[in-house]
Amino acid sequence: MSKPLLFLLFVSWVGMANAQLIYNLEDIILRAKEQSPSAKQAETRKENRYWQYRLFKAQYNPQLSISGDIPGYNKDYLPNRLDDGSIHFIPRQQYSSSMNLGLNQPIAFSGGNISVNSRVRQFDDLGLNLKQWNTTVFNIQLDQPIFAYNSLKWDKMTEPLRYEESKRSYVEEMELVSRIAVERFFDYLDAQVNYQIANFNLANNDTIYHIEEGRYNIGTTSEDKLLQVELQLLRSRQDVAQAQLALQTSRLALRTFIGLNDATEFDLILPEVIPVFLVSEEIALQYAEANRADFIAFERRRIEAQSQVEEAKRQRFQTSVSAAIGYNNAAPLLAETYQNPRDQQVFNISLNVPLITWGRNEARIRTAMANQQLTNYIIDQEEQNFEMEIITQVRQLDVLREQIEISKKSDEVAQNRYNVAQNRYLIGKIDITNLNIALNEKDLAKRSYVQALRSFWSAYFDLRRLTLYDFANRELLYQINE
């Protein structure tokens, strides 16, 4: 292999070894959504809400269960009152067991429960040498509250809304992750720009110091100016140390947020390409009302307040009906209980009606109605605040876009002015004070431009979160059929 080729390979290898990763804003946001602890927490909450909804739906499905006591044993003395009023304690020793197989089905529209059951009971008195079996071969039982609060009916209205709300909240949480990623990105980018400025100023002030030192040696400048330049050089060294510390701190914060655990060095590039899109206040409000979780929550909270009024009204009295029909039997042997079983019929009405409550029922109802009215007032205010936030965000975007153009032009002008001032200083046309003024204006213009970019991208992702719509790519961030 020729020496030139070996040299080229060596140079390429060294360049690859010293190369740093370069990330843009889109890269940081993508990594944050995939790997950040905040995104993983949002994923976990989404899964948790899904299984909560599955649990809610399962409550309306039939449930097959088996229950019983196997076995029950009792050995004690039983008090027995005799005809003369005296009590005689007699010993007893008994075995008992029971088992029930039931299929239960809640009735959502009425709040009752219907079940199909099969039971077996066994009783054995060792003292009396008595053994019996009792079976309910088959029965159908209905338990139905009358005029009671039906939580199943109200849950059927609120829980689907709560689940839909949770799905939209997940998308909003991910957009919030993007918004925080923007802040972390620009925190590091600010530190990176400040570090670059500090290093540039240090090199520049070092050069100026040597120039002033040479002028002082030949007597063309005063000691006062030389000391001024030296002081500026010392401050520049201090600025570099502080900027380096801020850079390391912000890099660590960004690395931690996006879940980047290795020690790979990386730099960021300015997101100067601004998406071009037009958005009106009316369109933004339409997307917000159609997509945001808050508007689903408004509806759910109104229904919940209405259900609390209903619950307060239904607590005035309690009435329930229980009825069962089937076949049962009793016999000394288990097999005999299934021969010629007899009809079983059960019907019962229970009630609890307070006659004098001293105003408790009315107070409970009035409290629930007042809470409902308060909830409606709060929701109305939240809707107005939300609309104002959307309108403000839309108007702010147009202003921020214009600020970017102005600050970018100012950055270019300040840079050119400094170049001119530096050249005039080198030929002795201006003094060090005017050069420092031009330097400070250059640094301020650069920082203002970066701040304008930060403000725009923060506002852009805020608008995405508030509307769940990507105006740049013209697509919904949440699909209702998900």
Protein backbone atom coordinates (compact mmCIF):
# COMPACT_ATOMS: atom_id res chain seq x y z
CA MET A 1 0.00 0.00 0.00
CA SER A 2 1.40 3.40 -0.96
CA LYS A 3 2.40 5.97 1.65
CA PRO A 4 -0.09 8.65 0.41
CA LEU A 5 -2.95 6.15 0.78
CA LEU A 6 -1.80 5.19 4.29
CA PHE A 7 -1.63 8.86 5.19
CA LEU A 8 -5.17 9.47 3.91
CA LEU A 9 -6.53 6.49 5.88
CA PHE A 10 -4.79 7.71 9.01
CA VAL A 11 -6.22 11.22 8.60
CA SER A 12 -9.71 9.78 8.03
CA TRP A 13 -9.44 7.60 11.14
CA VAL A 14 -8.30 10.51 13.28
CA GLY A 15 -11.14 12.65 11.95
CA MET A 16 -13.72 9.98 12.76
CA ALA A 17 -12.26 9.47 16.22
CA ASN A 18 -12.42 13.17 17.04
CA ALA A 19 -15.82 13.79 15.43
CA GLN A 20 -18.69 14.87 17.67
CA LEU A 21 -22.33 14.06 17.19
CA ILE A 22 -24.41 16.92 15.81
CA TYR A 23 -28.06 17.08 16.85
CA ASN A 24 -30.77 19.36 15.57
CA LEU A 25 -34.00 20.21 17.40
CA GLU A 26 -35.95 17.42 15.70
CA ASP A 27 -33.36 14.84 16.82
CA ILE A 28 -33.59 15.96 20.45
CA ILE A 29 -37.40 15.90 20.45
CA LEU A 30 -37.47 12.44 18.87
CA ARG A 31 -35.04 11.05 21.46
CA ALA A 32 -37.03 12.70 24.27
CA LYS A 33 -40.27 11.05 23.09
CA GLU A 34 -38.60 7.66 22.79
CA GLN A 35 -36.24 7.54 25.76
CA SER A 36 -36.92 10.28 28.29
CA PRO A 37 -38.24 9.33 31.74
CA SER A 38 -41.13 11.77 31.21
CA ALA A 39 -42.22 9.94 28.05
CA LYS A 40 -41.98 6.57 29.80
CA GLN A 41 -44.09 7.87 32.65
CA ALA A 42 -46.71 9.03 30.13
CA GLU A 43 -46.67 5.58 28.50
CA THR A 44 -47.19 3.93 31.90
CA ARG A 45 -50.09 6.25 32.76
CA LYS A 46 -51.65 5.49 29.39
CA GLU A 47 -51.44 1.75 30.03
CA ASN A 48 -52.81 2.18 33.54
CA ARG A 49 -55.83 4.10 32.25
CA TYR A 50 -56.44 1.46 29.60
CA TRP A 51 -56.66 -1.30 32.19
CA GLN A 52 -58.88 0.85 34.38
CA TYR A 53 -61.27 1.14 31.46
CA ARG A 54 -61.09 -2.60 30.86
CA LEU A 55 -62.00 -3.14 34.52
CA PHE A 56 -64.97 -0.81 34.14
CA LYS A 57 -66.26 -2.70 31.10
CA ALA A 58 -65.79 -6.06 32.84
CA GLN A 59 -68.19 -4.97 35.59
CA TYR A 60 -71.07 -5.16 33.10
CA ASN A 61 -70.24 -8.72 32.00
CA PRO A 62 -71.56 -11.88 33.68
CA GLN A 63 -69.39 -13.44 36.34
CA LEU A 64 -69.24 -17.11 37.18
CA SER A 65 -68.15 -17.76 40.76
CA ILE A 66 -68.07 -20.50 43.34
CA SER A 67 -68.32 -19.87 47.08
CA GLY A 68 -68.96 -21.79 50.27
CA ASP A 69 -67.68 -23.13 53.59
CA ILE A 70 -65.74 -26.41 53.42
CA PRO A 71 -65.97 -27.59 56.10
CA GLY A 72 -67.56 -25.90 59.08
CA TYR A 73 -67.07 -27.52 62.49
CA ASN A 74 -68.73 -26.57 65.77
CA LYS A 75 -68.22 -28.22 69.23
CA ASP A 76 -69.68 -26.33 72.17
CA TYR A 77 -72.54 -26.19 74.69
CA LEU A 78 -75.93 -24.96 73.59
CA PRO A 79 -78.25 -23.20 76.11
CA ASN A 80 -81.70 -24.85 76.23
CA ARG A 81 -84.51 -23.21 78.23
CA LEU A 82 -86.79 -25.73 79.94
CA ASP A 83 -90.51 -25.41 80.61
CA ASP A 84 -89.94 -24.19 84.17
CA GLY A 85 -87.78 -21.33 82.85
CA SER A 86 -84.46 -22.78 83.83
CA ILE A 87 -81.60 -23.10 81.34
CA HIS A 88 -79.88 -26.36 80.70
CA PHE A 89 -76.65 -26.48 78.72
CA ILE A 90 -76.38 -29.44 76.42
CA PRO A 91 -73.31 -30.42 74.43
CA ARG A 92 -73.32 -30.42 70.67
CA GLN A 93 -70.88 -31.40 67.97
CA GLN A 94 -71.77 -30.53 64.40
CA TYR A 95 -70.28 -30.53 60.95
CA SER A 96 -71.63 -28.38 58.16
CA SER A 97 -70.54 -27.39 54.70
CA SER A 98 -71.99 -25.50 51.79
CA MET A 99 -71.13 -24.63 48.24
CA ASN A 100 -72.77 -22.33 45.73
CA LEU A 101 -72.14 -22.06 41.99
CA GLY A 102 -73.57 -18.83 40.62
CA LEU A 103 -73.67 -16.88 37.38
CA ASN A 104 -74.29 -13.18 38.13
CA GLN A 105 -75.25 -10.51 35.63
CA PRO A 106 -75.56 -6.83 36.61
CA ILE A 107 -78.47 -4.95 35.04
CA ALA A 108 -77.05 -1.62 33.94
CA PHE A 109 -80.27 0.24 33.15
CA SER A 110 -81.93 -0.58 36.50
CA GLY A 111 -79.00 -1.11 38.85
CA GLY A 112 -80.17 -4.59 39.86
CA ASN A 113 -78.59 -8.01 39.62
CA ILE A 114 -79.88 -11.27 38.20
CA SER A 115 -78.22 -14.57 38.99
CA VAL A 116 -78.53 -18.27 38.25
CA ASN A 117 -77.47 -20.47 41.17
CA SER A 118 -76.99 -24.07 42.25
CA ARG A 119 -76.35 -24.79 45.94
CA VAL A 120 -75.46 -27.77 48.09
CA ARG A 121 -75.59 -27.77 51.90
CA GLN A 122 -74.64 -30.58 54.27
CA PHE A 123 -75.37 -30.83 58.00
CA ASP A 124 -74.14 -33.58 60.38
CA ASP A 125 -75.03 -33.62 64.10
CA LEU A 126 -72.76 -36.21 65.73
CA GLY A 127 -74.58 -36.07 69.03
CA LEU A 128 -77.98 -36.85 67.54
CA ASN A 129 -76.53 -39.01 64.80
CA LEU A 130 -78.42 -36.86 62.31
CA LYS A 131 -77.16 -36.23 58.80
CA GLN A 132 -78.97 -34.20 56.14
CA TRP A 133 -78.38 -32.74 52.71
CA ASN A 134 -80.12 -29.76 51.19
CA THR A 135 -79.76 -28.80 47.54
CA THR A 136 -81.05 -26.03 45.36
CA VAL A 137 -80.91 -27.78 42.04
CA PHE A 138 -81.50 -24.62 40.11
CA ASN A 139 -82.88 -21.16 40.80
CA ILE A 140 -83.05 -17.74 39.23
CA GLN A 141 -82.80 -14.80 41.59
CA LEU A 142 -83.43 -11.10 41.06
CA ASP A 143 -82.24 -8.40 43.43
CA GLN A 144 -83.54 -5.01 42.41
CA PRO A 145 -83.29 -1.70 44.31
CA ILE A 146 -86.31 0.56 43.81
CA PHE A 147 -85.88 4.34 43.44
CA ALA A 148 -82.18 3.96 44.32
CA TYR A 149 -79.17 5.69 42.81
CA ASN A 150 -77.92 3.62 39.86
CA SER A 151 -74.14 3.98 39.73
CA LEU A 152 -73.93 1.57 36.79
CA LYS A 153 -76.04 3.88 34.63
CA TRP A 154 -74.01 6.98 35.45
CA ASP A 155 -70.66 5.20 35.15
CA LYS A 156 -71.69 4.11 31.67
CA MET A 157 -71.94 7.79 30.72
CA THR A 158 -68.79 9.05 32.44
CA GLU A 159 -66.22 6.25 32.15
CA PRO A 160 -66.06 6.17 28.30
CA LEU A 161 -65.53 9.94 28.43
CA ARG A 162 -62.82 9.48 31.05
CA TYR A 163 -61.06 6.90 28.87
CA GLU A 164 -61.29 9.10 25.78
CA GLU A 165 -59.96 11.95 27.89
CA SER A 166 -57.00 9.81 28.99
CA LYS A 167 -56.05 8.95 25.40
CA ARG A 168 -56.00 12.60 24.43
CA SER A 169 -54.14 13.47 27.62
CA TYR A 170 -51.41 11.05 26.58
CA VAL A 171 -50.88 12.90 23.30
CA GLU A 172 -50.85 16.18 25.21
CA GLU A 173 -48.27 14.78 27.63
CA MET A 174 -46.06 13.78 24.71
CA GLU A 175 -46.39 17.28 23.26
CA LEU A 176 -45.43 18.61 26.68
CA VAL A 177 -42.35 16.38 26.50
CA SER A 178 -41.55 18.05 23.17
CA ARG A 179 -42.07 21.45 24.75
CA ILE A 180 -39.70 20.66 27.63
CA ALA A 181 -37.20 19.21 25.14
CA VAL A 182 -37.24 22.57 23.36
CA GLU A 183 -36.37 24.32 26.62
CA ARG A 184 -33.56 21.84 27.40
CA PHE A 185 -32.30 22.15 23.82
CA PHE A 186 -32.09 25.94 23.98
CA ASP A 187 -30.64 25.90 27.50
CA TYR A 188 -27.73 23.91 26.12
CA LEU A 189 -27.64 25.92 22.91
CA ASP A 190 -27.46 29.17 24.89
CA ALA A 191 -24.60 27.74 26.91
CA GLN A 192 -22.91 26.56 23.71
CA VAL A 193 -23.24 30.00 22.08
CA ASN A 194 -22.04 31.74 25.24
CA TYR A 195 -19.06 29.42 25.38
CA GLN A 196 -18.22 30.16 21.76
CA ILE A 197 -18.59 33.89 22.39
CA ALA A 198 -16.41 33.68 25.50
CA ASN A 199 -13.65 31.82 23.65
CA PHE A 200 -13.82 34.25 20.73
CA ASN A 201 -13.63 37.21 23.08
CA LEU A 202 -10.71 35.65 24.96
CA ALA A 203 -8.73 35.16 21.74
CA ASN A 204 -9.69 38.61 20.55
CA ASN A 205 -8.75 40.30 23.83
CA ASP A 206 -5.49 38.39 23.93
CA THR A 207 -4.64 39.74 20.48
CA ILE A 208 -5.65 43.25 21.48
CA TYR A 209 -3.54 43.04 24.61
CA HIS A 210 -0.45 42.14 22.61
CA ILE A 211 -1.18 44.98 20.19
CA GLU A 212 -1.59 47.49 23.03
CA GLU A 213 1.52 46.12 24.69
CA GLY A 214 3.49 46.72 21.50
CA ARG A 215 2.09 50.24 21.19
CA TYR A 216 2.95 50.93 24.81
CA ASN A 217 6.50 49.77 24.26
CA ILE A 218 6.94 52.21 21.39
CA GLY A 219 5.13 54.97 23.27
CA THR A 220 2.01 55.32 21.10
CA THR A 221 -0.46 54.43 23.88
CA SER A 222 -0.77 55.10 27.57
CA GLU A 223 -0.33 52.74 30.50
CA ASP A 224 -3.96 53.37 31.45
CA LYS A 225 -5.18 51.90 28.16
CA LEU A 226 -2.83 48.95 28.51
CA LEU A 227 -4.16 48.20 31.99
CA GLN A 228 -7.73 48.52 30.69
CA VAL A 229 -7.03 45.92 28.01
CA GLU A 230 -5.29 43.64 30.51
CA LEU A 231 -8.30 43.84 32.84
CA GLN A 232 -10.56 42.97 29.91
CA LEU A 233 -8.36 39.96 29.14
CA LEU A 234 -8.62 38.71 32.74
CA ARG A 235 -12.38 39.08 32.65
CA SER A 236 -12.49 37.13 29.40
CA ARG A 237 -10.64 34.25 31.03
CA GLN A 238 -13.14 34.28 33.88
CA ASP A 239 -16.03 34.36 31.38
CA VAL A 240 -14.63 31.30 29.62
CA ALA A 241 -14.46 29.35 32.89
CA GLN A 242 -18.03 30.27 33.82
CA ALA A 243 -19.31 29.53 30.31
CA GLN A 244 -17.61 26.14 30.35
CA LEU A 245 -19.26 25.25 33.68
CA ALA A 246 -22.68 26.37 32.38
CA LEU A 247 -22.10 24.31 29.22
CA GLN A 248 -21.31 21.17 31.21
CA THR A 249 -24.32 21.69 33.49
CA SER A 250 -26.79 22.24 30.64
CA ARG A 251 -25.32 19.31 28.69
CA LEU A 252 -25.88 17.04 31.68
CA ALA A 253 -29.47 18.29 32.10
CA LEU A 254 -30.22 17.69 28.42
CA ARG A 255 -28.52 14.28 28.43
CA THR A 256 -30.51 13.22 31.50
CA PHE A 257 -33.82 14.39 30.06
CA ILE A 258 -33.48 12.61 26.73
CA GLY A 259 -32.17 9.44 28.37
CA LEU A 260 -28.67 9.67 26.89
CA ASN A 261 -26.51 7.91 29.46
CA ASP A 262 -23.21 7.52 27.63
CA ALA A 263 -20.44 10.09 27.72
CA THR A 264 -20.49 10.86 23.99
CA GLU A 265 -19.84 14.51 23.26
CA PHE A 266 -22.32 16.31 21.03
CA ASP A 267 -23.10 19.76 19.70
CA LEU A 268 -26.35 21.41 18.65
CA ILE A 269 -27.18 23.40 15.57
CA LEU A 270 -29.52 26.37 15.44
CA PRO A 271 -33.05 25.53 14.18
CA GLU A 272 -33.13 28.46 11.80
CA VAL A 273 -35.57 26.95 9.29
CA ILE A 274 -38.92 28.28 10.47
CA PRO A 275 -42.03 26.40 9.22
CA VAL A 276 -44.31 28.50 7.06
CA PHE A 277 -48.01 28.14 7.82
CA LEU A 278 -51.04 30.32 8.32
CA VAL A 279 -53.39 29.78 11.25
CA SER A 280 -56.41 31.81 12.24
CA GLU A 281 -57.84 32.11 15.72
CA GLU A 282 -61.10 30.48 14.64
CA ILE A 283 -59.36 27.44 13.12
CA ALA A 284 -57.15 27.00 16.17
CA LEU A 285 -60.20 27.12 18.47
CA GLN A 286 -62.00 24.56 16.32
CA TYR A 287 -59.11 22.11 16.55
CA ALA A 288 -58.80 22.69 20.29
CA GLU A 289 -62.50 22.04 20.93
CA ALA A 290 -62.46 18.95 18.74
CA ASN A 291 -59.25 17.39 20.03
CA ARG A 292 -58.29 18.57 23.52
CA ALA A 293 -58.86 16.41 26.57
CA ASP A 294 -60.07 19.45 28.51
CA PHE A 295 -63.25 19.71 26.46
CA ILE A 296 -64.02 16.04 27.08
CA ALA A 297 -63.33 16.67 30.77
CA PHE A 298 -65.77 19.60 30.78
CA GLU A 299 -68.57 17.32 29.61
CA ARG A 300 -67.60 14.56 32.06
CA ARG A 301 -67.49 16.95 35.02
CA ARG A 302 -70.95 18.31 34.20
CA ILE A 303 -72.36 14.78 34.09
CA GLU A 304 -70.64 13.88 37.37
CA ALA A 305 -72.13 16.95 39.06
CA GLN A 306 -75.55 15.97 37.73
CA SER A 307 -75.09 12.42 39.04
CA GLN A 308 -74.25 13.75 42.51
CA VAL A 309 -77.56 15.62 42.56
CA GLU A 310 -79.32 12.43 41.50
CA GLU A 311 -77.55 10.44 44.22
CA ALA A 312 -78.57 12.96 46.88
CA LYS A 313 -82.21 12.79 45.80
CA ARG A 314 -82.24 8.99 45.75
CA GLN A 315 -80.94 8.73 49.33
CA ARG A 316 -84.24 9.90 50.83
CA PHE A 317 -85.50 6.34 51.22
CA GLN A 318 -84.34 2.85 50.38
CA THR A 319 -86.50 0.09 48.91
CA SER A 320 -85.50 -3.17 47.30
CA VAL A 321 -87.18 -6.26 45.86
CA SER A 322 -85.73 -9.74 45.98
CA ALA A 323 -87.36 -12.65 44.18
CA ALA A 324 -86.23 -16.16 43.32
CA ILE A 325 -87.75 -19.19 41.65
CA GLY A 326 -86.32 -22.67 41.26
CA TYR A 327 -86.20 -26.20 42.61
CA ASN A 328 -84.82 -27.51 45.87
CA ASN A 329 -85.01 -30.56 48.14
CA ALA A 330 -83.69 -32.08 51.36
CA ALA A 331 -82.83 -35.72 52.17
CA PRO A 332 -80.48 -37.86 54.28
CA LEU A 333 -78.47 -38.75 51.17
CA LEU A 334 -77.12 -36.35 48.58
CA ALA A 335 -78.38 -38.39 45.63
CA GLU A 336 -81.93 -38.36 46.98
CA THR A 337 -82.06 -34.56 46.99
CA TYR A 338 -81.99 -34.56 43.20
CA GLN A 339 -85.00 -36.90 42.98
CA ASN A 340 -88.34 -35.18 42.61
CA PRO A 341 -87.19 -31.70 43.74
CA ARG A 342 -89.87 -29.31 44.89
CA ASP A 343 -90.70 -25.83 43.72
CA GLN A 344 -88.84 -22.99 45.40
CA GLN A 345 -90.34 -19.53 45.46
CA VAL A 346 -88.99 -16.52 47.34
CA PHE A 347 -90.30 -12.95 47.28
CA ASN A 348 -89.31 -10.14 49.58
CA ILE A 349 -89.69 -6.38 49.70
CA SER A 350 -87.54 -4.40 52.12
CA LEU A 351 -87.79 -0.70 52.79
CA ASN A 352 -86.24 1.99 54.93
CA VAL A 353 -88.11 5.30 54.95
CA PRO A 354 -86.97 7.99 57.40
CA LEU A 355 -90.03 9.84 58.69
CA ILE A 356 -88.30 12.76 60.42
CA THR A 357 -84.81 13.82 59.30
CA TRP A 358 -84.77 17.40 60.61
CA GLY A 359 -83.90 18.73 57.16
CA ARG A 360 -80.97 16.40 56.42
CA ASN A 361 -82.39 15.23 53.10
CA GLU A 362 -83.12 18.76 51.90
CA ALA A 363 -79.69 19.98 53.00
CA ARG A 364 -77.99 17.11 51.19
CA ILE A 365 -79.93 17.81 47.98
CA ARG A 366 -79.37 21.56 48.16
CA THR A 367 -75.64 21.04 48.70
CA ALA A 368 -75.38 18.79 45.65
CA MET A 369 -77.33 21.30 43.54
CA ALA A 370 -75.10 24.15 44.69
CA ASN A 371 -72.01 22.10 43.85
CA GLN A 372 -73.45 21.41 40.40
CA GLN A 373 -74.02 25.11 39.81
CA LEU A 374 -70.52 25.92 41.04
CA THR A 375 -69.04 23.27 38.73
CA ASN A 376 -70.86 24.81 35.76
CA TYR A 377 -69.56 28.28 36.64
CA ILE A 378 -66.00 27.00 37.00
CA ILE A 379 -66.17 25.14 33.68
CA ASP A 380 -67.54 28.24 31.93
CA GLN A 381 -64.63 30.27 33.30
CA GLU A 382 -62.10 27.61 32.30
CA GLU A 383 -63.52 27.56 28.77
CA GLN A 384 -63.12 31.33 28.50
CA ASN A 385 -59.56 31.18 29.85
CA PHE A 386 -58.73 28.39 27.44
CA GLU A 387 -60.06 30.36 24.47
CA MET A 388 -58.03 33.39 25.53
CA GLU A 389 -54.90 31.23 25.78
CA ILE A 390 -55.43 29.89 22.25
CA ILE A 391 -56.02 33.36 20.80
CA THR A 392 -52.97 34.77 22.57
CA GLN A 393 -50.81 31.90 21.34
CA VAL A 394 -51.88 32.37 17.71
CA ARG A 395 -51.24 36.11 17.81
CA GLN A 396 -47.91 35.58 19.51
CA LEU A 397 -46.64 33.31 16.73
CA ASP A 398 -46.96 36.05 14.11
CA VAL A 399 -45.10 38.51 16.33
CA LEU A 400 -42.36 35.99 17.11
CA ARG A 401 -41.88 35.17 13.45
CA GLU A 402 -41.29 38.86 12.74
CA GLN A 403 -38.93 39.12 15.71
CA ILE A 404 -36.80 36.31 14.29
CA GLU A 405 -36.36 38.18 11.02
CA ILE A 406 -35.44 41.40 12.84
CA SER A 407 -33.05 39.74 15.29
CA LYS A 408 -31.37 37.76 12.51
CA LYS A 409 -30.80 40.93 10.53
CA SER A 410 -29.55 42.68 13.69
CA ASP A 411 -27.11 39.83 14.27
CA GLU A 412 -25.69 40.21 10.78
CA VAL A 413 -25.44 44.01 11.08
CA ALA A 414 -23.79 43.81 14.52
CA GLN A 415 -21.27 41.26 13.22
CA ASN A 416 -20.39 43.48 10.25
CA ARG A 417 -20.14 46.54 12.49
CA TYR A 418 -17.72 44.73 14.77
CA ASN A 419 -15.57 43.68 11.81
CA VAL A 420 -15.40 47.28 10.66
CA ALA A 421 -14.64 48.51 14.18
CA GLN A 422 -11.91 45.91 14.61
CA ASN A 423 -10.24 46.95 11.36
CA ARG A 424 -10.42 50.63 12.32
CA TYR A 425 -8.93 49.82 15.73
CA LEU A 426 -6.02 47.99 14.13
CA ILE A 427 -5.15 51.05 12.08
CA GLY A 428 -5.65 53.35 15.07
CA LYS A 429 -8.83 55.12 13.93
CA ILE A 430 -10.83 54.27 17.08
CA ASP A 431 -9.89 53.48 20.66
CA ILE A 432 -10.44 50.34 22.71
CA THR A 433 -13.65 51.71 24.31
CA ASN A 434 -15.47 51.99 20.98
CA LEU A 435 -14.21 48.54 19.99
CA ASN A 436 -15.62 47.05 23.21
CA ILE A 437 -18.96 48.72 22.54
CA ALA A 438 -19.10 47.10 19.11
CA LEU A 439 -18.08 43.76 20.67
CA ASN A 440 -20.83 43.91 23.29
CA GLU A 441 -23.42 44.82 20.68
CA LYS A 442 -22.32 41.86 18.56
CA ASP A 443 -22.66 39.45 21.50
CA LEU A 444 -26.03 40.90 22.53
CA ALA A 445 -27.38 40.59 18.97
CA LYS A 446 -26.30 36.95 18.76
CA ARG A 447 -27.96 36.12 22.10
CA SER A 448 -31.12 37.99 21.08
CA TYR A 449 -31.35 35.96 17.89
CA VAL A 450 -31.04 32.68 19.79
CA GLN A 451 -33.67 33.91 22.28
CA ALA A 452 -36.04 34.78 19.42
CA LEU A 453 -35.65 31.26 18.04
CA ARG A 454 -36.33 29.80 21.50
CA SER A 455 -39.48 31.88 21.91
CA PHE A 456 -40.85 30.87 18.52
CA TRP A 457 -40.25 27.13 18.90
CA SER A 458 -41.62 27.14 22.43
CA ALA A 459 -44.76 28.93 21.25
CA TYR A 460 -45.09 26.58 18.28
CA PHE A 461 -45.06 23.44 20.42
CA ASP A 462 -47.37 25.11 22.94
CA LEU A 463 -49.87 25.66 20.11
CA ARG A 464 -49.52 22.00 19.08
CA ARG A 465 -50.22 20.89 22.64
CA LEU A 466 -53.20 23.22 22.99
CA THR A 467 -54.84 22.13 19.72
CA LEU A 468 -53.38 18.64 19.12
CA TYR A 469 -52.82 19.72 15.54
CA ASP A 470 -49.58 20.11 13.59
CA PHE A 471 -50.13 23.24 11.53
CA ALA A 472 -46.77 22.93 9.76
CA ASN A 473 -47.52 19.46 8.35
CA ARG A 474 -51.32 19.87 8.36
CA GLU A 475 -52.11 16.72 10.30
CA LEU A 476 -53.92 15.75 13.47
CA LEU A 477 -51.75 14.63 16.37
CA TYR A 478 -54.61 12.50 17.74
CA GLN A 479 -56.92 10.18 15.85
CA ILE A 480 -60.30 9.57 17.50
CA ASN A 481 -60.44 5.94 16.34
CA GLU A 482 -57.19 5.02 18.12
